Amino acid sequence: MNWRYIRFALKKGVMISIPDAHSIKEIDNIRWGIAAARKAGLTKDRTWNAQSSNEIKRWIAAKK
């Protein structure tokens, strides 16, 4: 995702998930997702796949 869209999504309250690798051969591609996230100012508390399972459950419950 373009870092500009991440900023827009954050302003709208959207949680962002940084893409991970789909195979061992793609593991180095993670750096591009992290670079875009950093450039946009994404923090751990707004990163979906950096949350614990309990934090995700609380977030889902709050959205109901």
PDB file of N, CA and C in Angstrom:
ATOM      1  N   MET A   1       0.851  -1.173   0.000  1.00  0.00           N
ATOM      2  CA  MET A   1       0.000   0.000   0.000  1.00  0.00           C
ATOM      3  C   MET A   1       0.897   1.237   0.000  1.00  0.00           C
ATOM      4  N   ASN A   2       0.542   2.184  -0.803  1.00  0.00           N
ATOM      5  CA  ASN A   2       1.250   3.458  -0.836  1.00  0.00           C
ATOM      6  C   ASN A   2       1.153   4.108   0.541  1.00  0.00           C
ATOM      7  N   TRP A   3       2.232   4.680   1.028  1.00  0.00           N
ATOM      8  CA  TRP A   3       2.257   5.267   2.366  1.00  0.00           C
ATOM      9  C   TRP A   3       1.228   6.382   2.535  1.00  0.00           C
ATOM     10  N   ARG A   4       0.864   7.061   1.464  1.00  0.00           N
ATOM     11  CA  ARG A   4      -0.144   8.132   1.557  1.00  0.00           C
ATOM     12  C   ARG A   4      -1.517   7.573   1.941  1.00  0.00           C
ATOM     13  N   TYR A   5      -1.819   6.381   1.446  1.00  0.00           N
ATOM     14  CA  TYR A   5      -3.090   5.745   1.793  1.00  0.00           C
ATOM     15  C   TYR A   5      -3.094   5.296   3.254  1.00  0.00           C
ATOM     16  N   ILE A   6      -1.928   4.910   3.762  1.00  0.00           N
ATOM     17  CA  ILE A   6      -1.833   4.540   5.168  1.00  0.00           C
ATOM     18  C   ILE A   6      -2.185   5.744   6.028  1.00  0.00           C
ATOM     19  N   ARG A   7      -1.631   6.896   5.715  1.00  0.00           N
ATOM     20  CA  ARG A   7      -1.948   8.109   6.477  1.00  0.00           C
ATOM     21  C   ARG A   7      -3.439   8.420   6.429  1.00  0.00           C
ATOM     22  N   PHE A   8      -4.018   8.308   5.259  1.00  0.00           N
ATOM     23  CA  PHE A   8      -5.457   8.551   5.103  1.00  0.00           C
ATOM     24  C   PHE A   8      -6.256   7.577   5.964  1.00  0.00           C
ATOM     25  N   ALA A   9      -5.888   6.296   5.906  1.00  0.00           N
ATOM     26  CA  ALA A   9      -6.589   5.273   6.680  1.00  0.00           C
ATOM     27  C   ALA A   9      -6.469   5.535   8.177  1.00  0.00           C
ATOM     28  N   LEU A  10      -5.305   5.945   8.616  1.00  0.00           N
ATOM     29  CA  LEU A  10      -5.115   6.238  10.040  1.00  0.00           C
ATOM     30  C   LEU A  10      -6.016   7.382  10.493  1.00  0.00           C
ATOM     31  N   LYS A  11      -6.169   8.387   9.650  1.00  0.00           N
ATOM     32  CA  LYS A  11      -7.058   9.507   9.984  1.00  0.00           C
ATOM     33  C   LYS A  11      -8.509   9.044  10.119  1.00  0.00           C
ATOM     34  N   LYS A  12      -8.858   7.983   9.410  1.00  0.00           N
ATOM     35  CA  LYS A  12     -10.218   7.436   9.452  1.00  0.00           C
ATOM     36  C   LYS A  12     -10.387   6.393  10.554  1.00  0.00           C
ATOM     37  N   GLY A  13      -9.317   6.106  11.317  1.00  0.00           N
ATOM     38  CA  GLY A  13      -9.399   5.153  12.415  1.00  0.00           C
ATOM     39  C   GLY A  13      -9.222   3.702  12.023  1.00  0.00           C
ATOM     40  N   VAL A  14      -8.706   3.471  10.846  1.00  0.00           N
ATOM     41  CA  VAL A  14      -8.526   2.107  10.350  1.00  0.00           C
ATOM     42  C   VAL A  14      -7.261   1.495  10.948  1.00  0.00           C
ATOM     43  N   MET A  15      -7.347   0.224  11.332  1.00  0.00           N
ATOM     44  CA  MET A  15      -6.158  -0.527  11.739  1.00  0.00           C
ATOM     45  C   MET A  15      -5.470  -1.011  10.469  1.00  0.00           C
ATOM     46  N   ILE A  16      -4.167  -0.996  10.463  1.00  0.00           N
ATOM     47  CA  ILE A  16      -3.389  -1.399   9.296  1.00  0.00           C
ATOM     48  C   ILE A  16      -2.634  -2.682   9.610  1.00  0.00           C
ATOM     49  N   SER A  17      -2.595  -3.581   8.664  1.00  0.00           N
ATOM     50  CA  SER A  17      -1.802  -4.795   8.787  1.00  0.00           C
ATOM     51  C   SER A  17      -0.635  -4.697   7.808  1.00  0.00           C
ATOM     52  N   ILE A  18       0.569  -4.850   8.326  1.00  0.00           N
ATOM     53  CA  ILE A  18       1.745  -4.832   7.453  1.00  0.00           C
ATOM     54  C   ILE A  18       1.834  -6.208   6.801  1.00  0.00           C
ATOM     55  N   PRO A  19       1.877  -6.250   5.479  1.00  0.00           N
ATOM     56  CA  PRO A  19       1.913  -7.541   4.786  1.00  0.00           C
ATOM     57  C   PRO A  19       3.129  -8.363   5.191  1.00  0.00           C
ATOM     58  N   ASP A  20       2.935  -9.662   5.266  1.00  0.00           N
ATOM     59  CA  ASP A  20       4.056 -10.545   5.543  1.00  0.00           C
ATOM     60  C   ASP A  20       4.347 -11.384   4.303  1.00  0.00           C
ATOM     61  N   ALA A  21       5.340 -12.218   4.414  1.00  0.00           N
ATOM     62  CA  ALA A  21       5.744 -13.034   3.269  1.00  0.00           C
ATOM     63  C   ALA A  21       4.795 -14.212   3.105  1.00  0.00           C
ATOM     64  N   HIS A  22       4.557 -14.590   1.869  1.00  0.00           N
ATOM     65  CA  HIS A  22       3.707 -15.739   1.580  1.00  0.00           C
ATOM     66  C   HIS A  22       4.525 -16.991   1.306  1.00  0.00           C
ATOM     67  N   SER A  23       5.837 -16.808   1.281  1.00  0.00           N
ATOM     68  CA  SER A  23       6.732 -17.950   1.117  1.00  0.00           C
ATOM     69  C   SER A  23       8.118 -17.523   1.601  1.00  0.00           C
ATOM     70  N   ILE A  24       8.980 -18.490   1.826  1.00  0.00           N
ATOM     71  CA  ILE A  24      10.345 -18.201   2.277  1.00  0.00           C
ATOM     72  C   ILE A  24      11.061 -17.324   1.253  1.00  0.00           C
ATOM     73  N   LYS A  25      10.809 -17.564  -0.021  1.00  0.00           N
ATOM     74  CA  LYS A  25      11.479 -16.787  -1.067  1.00  0.00           C
ATOM     75  C   LYS A  25      11.070 -15.312  -1.040  1.00  0.00           C
ATOM     76  N   GLU A  26       9.923 -15.006  -0.457  1.00  0.00           N
ATOM     77  CA  GLU A  26       9.427 -13.622  -0.418  1.00  0.00           C
ATOM     78  C   GLU A  26       9.721 -12.909   0.898  1.00  0.00           C
ATOM     79  N   ILE A  27      10.443 -13.535   1.807  1.00  0.00           N
ATOM     80  CA  ILE A  27      10.644 -12.976   3.136  1.00  0.00           C
ATOM     81  C   ILE A  27      11.276 -11.574   3.089  1.00  0.00           C
ATOM     82  N   ASP A  28      12.141 -11.308   2.138  1.00  0.00           N
ATOM     83  CA  ASP A  28      12.771  -9.985   2.039  1.00  0.00           C
ATOM     84  C   ASP A  28      11.803  -8.892   1.621  1.00  0.00           C
ATOM     85  N   ASN A  29      10.647  -9.271   1.073  1.00  0.00           N
ATOM     86  CA  ASN A  29       9.663  -8.268   0.655  1.00  0.00           C
ATOM     87  C   ASN A  29       8.981  -7.583   1.838  1.00  0.00           C
ATOM     88  N   ILE A  30       9.093  -8.161   3.023  1.00  0.00           N
ATOM     89  CA  ILE A  30       8.498  -7.553   4.212  1.00  0.00           C
ATOM     90  C   ILE A  30       9.030  -6.136   4.410  1.00  0.00           C
ATOM     91  N   ARG A  31      10.278  -5.920   4.045  1.00  0.00           N
ATOM     92  CA  ARG A  31      10.901  -4.602   4.253  1.00  0.00           C
ATOM     93  C   ARG A  31      10.135  -3.483   3.551  1.00  0.00           C
ATOM     94  N   TRP A  32       9.479  -3.782   2.434  1.00  0.00           N
ATOM     95  CA  TRP A  32       8.747  -2.734   1.712  1.00  0.00           C
ATOM     96  C   TRP A  32       7.501  -2.307   2.486  1.00  0.00           C
ATOM     97  N   GLY A  33       6.811  -3.262   3.094  1.00  0.00           N
ATOM     98  CA  GLY A  33       5.660  -2.936   3.926  1.00  0.00           C
ATOM     99  C   GLY A  33       6.066  -2.144   5.154  1.00  0.00           C
ATOM    100  N   ILE A  34       7.176  -2.527   5.764  1.00  0.00           N
ATOM    101  CA  ILE A  34       7.674  -1.819   6.942  1.00  0.00           C
ATOM    102  C   ILE A  34       8.121  -0.415   6.570  1.00  0.00           C
ATOM    103  N   ALA A  35       8.782  -0.270   5.433  1.00  0.00           N
ATOM    104  CA  ALA A  35       9.233   1.058   4.996  1.00  0.00           C
ATOM    105  C   ALA A  35       8.050   1.995   4.771  1.00  0.00           C
ATOM    106  N   ALA A  36       7.000   1.510   4.116  1.00  0.00           N
ATOM    107  CA  ALA A  36       5.810   2.343   3.886  1.00  0.00           C
ATOM    108  C   ALA A  36       5.143   2.696   5.207  1.00  0.00           C
ATOM    109  N   ALA A  37       5.056   1.724   6.113  1.00  0.00           N
ATOM    110  CA  ALA A  37       4.436   1.966   7.419  1.00  0.00           C
ATOM    111  C   ALA A  37       5.198   3.027   8.201  1.00  0.00           C
ATOM    112  N   ARG A  38       6.504   2.938   8.211  1.00  0.00           N
ATOM    113  CA  ARG A  38       7.325   3.925   8.927  1.00  0.00           C
ATOM    114  C   ARG A  38       7.180   5.303   8.305  1.00  0.00           C
ATOM    115  N   LYS A  39       7.213   5.363   6.989  1.00  0.00           N
ATOM    116  CA  LYS A  39       7.090   6.651   6.310  1.00  0.00           C
ATOM    117  C   LYS A  39       5.767   7.329   6.628  1.00  0.00           C
ATOM    118  N   ALA A  40       4.716   6.530   6.782  1.00  0.00           N
ATOM    119  CA  ALA A  40       3.382   7.063   7.066  1.00  0.00           C
ATOM    120  C   ALA A  40       3.181   7.375   8.548  1.00  0.00           C
ATOM    121  N   GLY A  41       4.118   6.939   9.395  1.00  0.00           N
ATOM    122  CA  GLY A  41       3.982   7.189  10.821  1.00  0.00           C
ATOM    123  C   GLY A  41       3.141   6.152  11.544  1.00  0.00           C
ATOM    124  N   LEU A  42       3.020   4.974  10.963  1.00  0.00           N
ATOM    125  CA  LEU A  42       2.240   3.904  11.585  1.00  0.00           C
ATOM    126  C   LEU A  42       2.927   3.461  12.878  1.00  0.00           C
ATOM    127  N   THR A  43       2.154   3.368  13.942  1.00  0.00           N
ATOM    128  CA  THR A  43       2.686   2.950  15.239  1.00  0.00           C
ATOM    129  C   THR A  43       2.170   1.558  15.582  1.00  0.00           C
ATOM    130  N   LYS A  44       2.810   0.918  16.564  1.00  0.00           N
ATOM    131  CA  LYS A  44       2.438  -0.442  16.945  1.00  0.00           C
ATOM    132  C   LYS A  44       0.976  -0.526  17.363  1.00  0.00           C
ATOM    133  N   ASP A  45       0.482   0.472  18.071  1.00  0.00           N
ATOM    134  CA  ASP A  45      -0.894   0.409  18.558  1.00  0.00           C
ATOM    135  C   ASP A  45      -1.931   0.490  17.447  1.00  0.00           C
ATOM    136  N   ARG A  46      -1.527   0.899  16.250  1.00  0.00           N
ATOM    137  CA  ARG A  46      -2.450   0.970  15.102  1.00  0.00           C
ATOM    138  C   ARG A  46      -2.139  -0.092  14.055  1.00  0.00           C
ATOM    139  N   THR A  47      -1.203  -1.001  14.386  1.00  0.00           N
ATOM    140  CA  THR A  47      -0.815  -2.071  13.473  1.00  0.00           C
ATOM    141  C   THR A  47      -1.507  -3.359  13.897  1.00  0.00           C
ATOM    142  N   TRP A  48      -2.435  -3.821  13.080  1.00  0.00           N
ATOM    143  CA  TRP A  48      -3.271  -4.985  13.393  1.00  0.00           C
ATOM    144  C   TRP A  48      -2.436  -6.206  13.745  1.00  0.00           C
ATOM    145  N   ASN A  49      -1.455  -6.537  12.911  1.00  0.00           N
ATOM    146  CA  ASN A  49      -0.698  -7.765  13.147  1.00  0.00           C
ATOM    147  C   ASN A  49       0.457  -7.589  14.136  1.00  0.00           C
ATOM    148  N   ALA A  50       0.453  -6.486  14.870  1.00  0.00           N
ATOM    149  CA  ALA A  50       1.397  -6.306  15.972  1.00  0.00           C
ATOM    150  C   ALA A  50       0.671  -6.406  17.313  1.00  0.00           C
ATOM    151  N   GLN A  51      -0.638  -6.662  17.256  1.00  0.00           N
ATOM    152  CA  GLN A  51      -1.456  -6.739  18.468  1.00  0.00           C
ATOM    153  C   GLN A  51      -1.471  -8.169  19.018  1.00  0.00           C
ATOM    154  N   SER A  52      -1.683  -8.265  20.324  1.00  0.00           N
ATOM    155  CA  SER A  52      -1.863  -9.594  20.925  1.00  0.00           C
ATOM    156  C   SER A  52      -3.276 -10.069  20.601  1.00  0.00           C
ATOM    157  N   SER A  53      -3.520 -11.342  20.787  1.00  0.00           N
ATOM    158  CA  SER A  53      -4.857 -11.864  20.512  1.00  0.00           C
ATOM    159  C   SER A  53      -5.895 -11.215  21.431  1.00  0.00           C
ATOM    160  N   ASN A  54      -5.536 -10.933  22.672  1.00  0.00           N
ATOM    161  CA  ASN A  54      -6.471 -10.270  23.582  1.00  0.00           C
ATOM    162  C   ASN A  54      -6.793  -8.847  23.125  1.00  0.00           C
ATOM    163  N   GLU A  55      -5.783  -8.136  22.636  1.00  0.00           N
ATOM    164  CA  GLU A  55      -6.021  -6.782  22.134  1.00  0.00           C
ATOM    165  C   GLU A  55      -6.933  -6.798  20.914  1.00  0.00           C
ATOM    166  N   ILE A  56      -6.744  -7.763  20.051  1.00  0.00           N
ATOM    167  CA  ILE A  56      -7.597  -7.891  18.862  1.00  0.00           C
ATOM    168  C   ILE A  56      -9.028  -8.223  19.275  1.00  0.00           C
ATOM    169  N   LYS A  57      -9.194  -9.118  20.231  1.00  0.00           N
ATOM    170  CA  LYS A  57     -10.540  -9.455  20.719  1.00  0.00           C
ATOM    171  C   LYS A  57     -11.231  -8.221  21.301  1.00  0.00           C
ATOM    172  N   ARG A  58     -10.506  -7.425  22.084  1.00  0.00           N
ATOM    173  CA  ARG A  58     -11.086  -6.202  22.659  1.00  0.00           C
ATOM    174  C   ARG A  58     -11.464  -5.222  21.563  1.00  0.00           C
ATOM    175  N   TRP A  59     -10.623  -5.099  20.550  1.00  0.00           N
ATOM    176  CA  TRP A  59     -10.884  -4.170  19.451  1.00  0.00           C
ATOM    177  C   TRP A  59     -12.149  -4.598  18.701  1.00  0.00           C
ATOM    178  N   ILE A  60     -12.276  -5.891  18.430  1.00  0.00           N
ATOM    179  CA  ILE A  60     -13.447  -6.411  17.725  1.00  0.00           C
ATOM    180  C   ILE A  60     -14.703  -6.194  18.566  1.00  0.00           C
ATOM    181  N   ALA A  61     -14.620  -6.482  19.856  1.00  0.00           N
ATOM    182  CA  ALA A  61     -15.769  -6.312  20.745  1.00  0.00           C
ATOM    183  C   ALA A  61     -16.211  -4.844  20.802  1.00  0.00           C
ATOM    184  N   ALA A  62     -15.277  -3.938  20.777  1.00  0.00           N
ATOM    185  CA  ALA A  62     -15.606  -2.501  20.825  1.00  0.00           C
ATOM    186  C   ALA A  62     -16.299  -2.034  19.551  1.00  0.00           C
ATOM    187  N   LYS A  63     -16.057  -2.732  18.439  1.00  0.00           N
ATOM    188  CA  LYS A  63     -16.646  -2.345  17.156  1.00  0.00           C
ATOM    189  C   LYS A  63     -18.067  -2.871  16.980  1.00  0.00           C
ATOM    190  N   LYS A  64     -18.503  -3.782  17.854  1.00  0.00           N
ATOM    191  CA  LYS A  64     -19.854  -4.365  17.712  1.00  0.00           C
ATOM    192  C   LYS A  64     -20.902  -3.429  18.231  1.00  0.00           C
TER     193      LYS A  64
END
